[in-house]
Amino acid sequence: MAVVKGIKGRKIKLDNIEDLIALDDYTIIEAHNAEDVSTGGIIIPDKAQQSSFRGTVISVGPGKRDANGEYMPLGIEPGDVVIYRNFTGWKVAEIDGKTYYTINSEERFAKIPQSKVVYES
């Protein structure tokens, strides 16, 4: 069960993070954890770690509307990995140690299509 911060500190319970639906040009992402060990094997203390600024897309809104009222697609889909700006978006939920944010289309600047995502073990 997910708990989402609501208005005036009230919490909203969700059965599944997929029940949180992105609107307009917003995207809901699961943030990737920051690296705690460097490529050389050095352990990075918590204070020195930075957010990774990348995450897996969970939900995608229909996009912004153009002058004719038609939705302009965002060009991403659930499962894609996006790279986004530092200090951006809103934290919307924390579930089982995973953090979820919502960001708009102007805050994303790159993607890796789901078909190309390969995680190192």
Protein backbone atom coordinates (compact mmCIF):
# COMPACT_ATOMS: atom_id res chain seq x y z
CA MET A 1 0.00 0.00 0.00
CA ALA A 2 1.33 3.43 -0.96
CA VAL A 3 0.89 6.51 1.17
CA VAL A 4 0.92 9.86 -0.64
CA LYS A 5 1.15 13.22 1.08
CA GLY A 6 -2.14 15.04 0.72
CA ILE A 7 -3.48 18.48 1.53
CA LYS A 8 -2.85 19.84 5.05
CA GLY A 9 -0.65 16.87 6.01
CA ARG A 10 -3.37 14.27 5.45
CA LYS A 11 -2.17 11.07 3.84
CA ILE A 12 -3.82 9.35 0.91
CA LYS A 13 -3.58 5.56 0.70
CA LEU A 14 -3.14 3.87 -2.68
CA ASP A 15 -3.19 0.14 -3.35
CA ASN A 16 -0.61 0.46 -6.12
CA ILE A 17 1.72 3.22 -7.41
CA GLU A 18 0.19 2.68 -10.87
CA ASP A 19 -3.03 4.15 -9.40
CA LEU A 20 -1.24 7.52 -9.38
CA ILE A 21 -1.97 8.83 -12.90
CA ALA A 22 0.06 11.62 -14.51
CA LEU A 23 -1.86 14.51 -16.06
CA ASP A 24 -1.08 16.96 -18.87
CA ASP A 25 2.68 17.08 -19.57
CA TYR A 26 3.67 15.48 -16.26
CA THR A 27 5.46 12.19 -15.78
CA ILE A 28 5.65 10.04 -12.65
CA ILE A 29 9.04 8.42 -12.20
CA GLU A 30 10.69 6.05 -9.77
CA ALA A 31 13.98 7.73 -8.88
CA HIS A 32 17.10 5.62 -9.14
CA ASN A 33 19.14 5.43 -5.96
CA ALA A 34 22.39 7.35 -5.77
CA GLU A 35 25.54 5.32 -6.08
CA ASP A 36 27.13 4.53 -2.71
CA VAL A 37 30.32 3.02 -4.14
CA SER A 38 32.47 4.68 -6.81
CA THR A 39 33.63 2.80 -9.91
CA GLY A 40 37.02 2.46 -8.19
CA GLY A 41 35.40 0.76 -5.19
CA ILE A 42 35.53 3.72 -2.79
CA ILE A 43 32.54 3.93 -0.45
CA ILE A 44 30.86 7.34 -0.75
CA PRO A 45 29.49 8.69 2.57
CA ASP A 46 25.80 9.69 2.68
CA LYS A 47 26.62 13.41 2.91
CA ALA A 48 28.72 13.27 -0.27
CA GLN A 49 26.16 11.33 -2.32
CA GLN A 50 24.05 13.21 -4.81
CA SER A 51 20.77 12.16 -6.33
CA SER A 52 21.29 10.29 -9.58
CA PHE A 53 18.86 12.53 -11.54
CA ARG A 54 17.53 9.59 -13.48
CA GLY A 55 14.52 7.43 -13.02
CA THR A 56 12.21 4.89 -14.57
CA VAL A 57 8.96 6.18 -16.01
CA ILE A 58 5.88 4.81 -14.22
CA SER A 59 3.09 6.96 -15.71
CA VAL A 60 2.90 9.51 -18.54
CA GLY A 61 0.29 12.22 -18.99
CA PRO A 62 -1.31 12.82 -22.40
CA GLY A 63 0.84 15.93 -23.06
CA LYS A 64 0.25 19.64 -23.49
CA ARG A 65 -2.50 20.88 -25.76
CA ASP A 66 -1.63 22.76 -28.94
CA ALA A 67 -3.49 25.80 -30.32
CA ASN A 68 -6.17 23.49 -31.76
CA GLY A 69 -6.76 21.75 -28.44
CA GLU A 70 -5.06 18.52 -29.55
CA TYR A 71 -2.67 16.72 -27.20
CA MET A 72 0.99 16.76 -28.22
CA PRO A 73 2.54 13.41 -27.23
CA LEU A 74 5.50 13.48 -24.83
CA GLY A 75 7.65 10.90 -26.61
CA ILE A 76 8.17 8.70 -23.57
CA GLU A 77 6.38 5.68 -22.16
CA PRO A 78 6.36 3.60 -18.98
CA GLY A 79 9.60 1.64 -18.62
CA ASP A 80 11.79 4.28 -20.30
CA VAL A 81 14.58 5.77 -18.20
CA VAL A 82 14.71 9.57 -18.17
CA ILE A 83 17.43 11.97 -17.10
CA TYR A 84 16.08 15.11 -15.49
CA ARG A 85 17.28 18.39 -14.03
CA ASN A 86 18.83 18.67 -10.58
CA PHE A 87 16.52 19.99 -7.82
CA THR A 88 13.37 19.49 -9.85
CA GLY A 89 10.00 17.83 -9.56
CA TRP A 90 7.86 17.01 -6.56
CA LYS A 91 8.27 14.01 -4.33
CA VAL A 92 4.87 12.33 -4.37
CA ALA A 93 5.42 9.00 -2.59
CA GLU A 94 7.88 6.71 -0.82
CA ILE A 95 7.13 3.00 -0.95
CA ASP A 96 9.37 0.18 0.25
CA GLY A 97 12.48 2.38 0.04
CA LYS A 98 11.64 3.64 -3.47
CA THR A 99 11.01 7.34 -4.07
CA TYR A 100 8.56 8.59 -6.68
CA TYR A 101 8.55 12.06 -8.21
CA THR A 102 6.43 13.90 -10.71
CA ILE A 103 8.22 16.08 -13.25
CA ASN A 104 6.98 18.04 -16.25
CA SER A 105 8.21 17.82 -19.83
CA GLU A 106 10.49 20.85 -19.48
CA GLU A 107 12.43 19.18 -16.65
CA ARG A 108 13.41 16.09 -18.67
CA PHE A 109 16.20 16.35 -21.18
CA ALA A 110 17.07 12.81 -22.24
CA LYS A 111 15.64 9.32 -22.31
CA ILE A 112 16.80 5.76 -22.77
CA PRO A 113 14.04 3.71 -24.43
CA GLN A 114 12.89 0.69 -22.45
CA SER A 115 14.19 -1.61 -25.21
CA LYS A 116 17.73 -0.24 -24.68
CA VAL A 117 17.81 -0.22 -20.86
CA VAL A 118 20.32 -2.72 -19.50
CA TYR A 119 21.27 -2.70 -15.83
CA GLU A 120 24.70 -3.83 -14.68
CA SER A 121 24.71 -6.50 -12.01
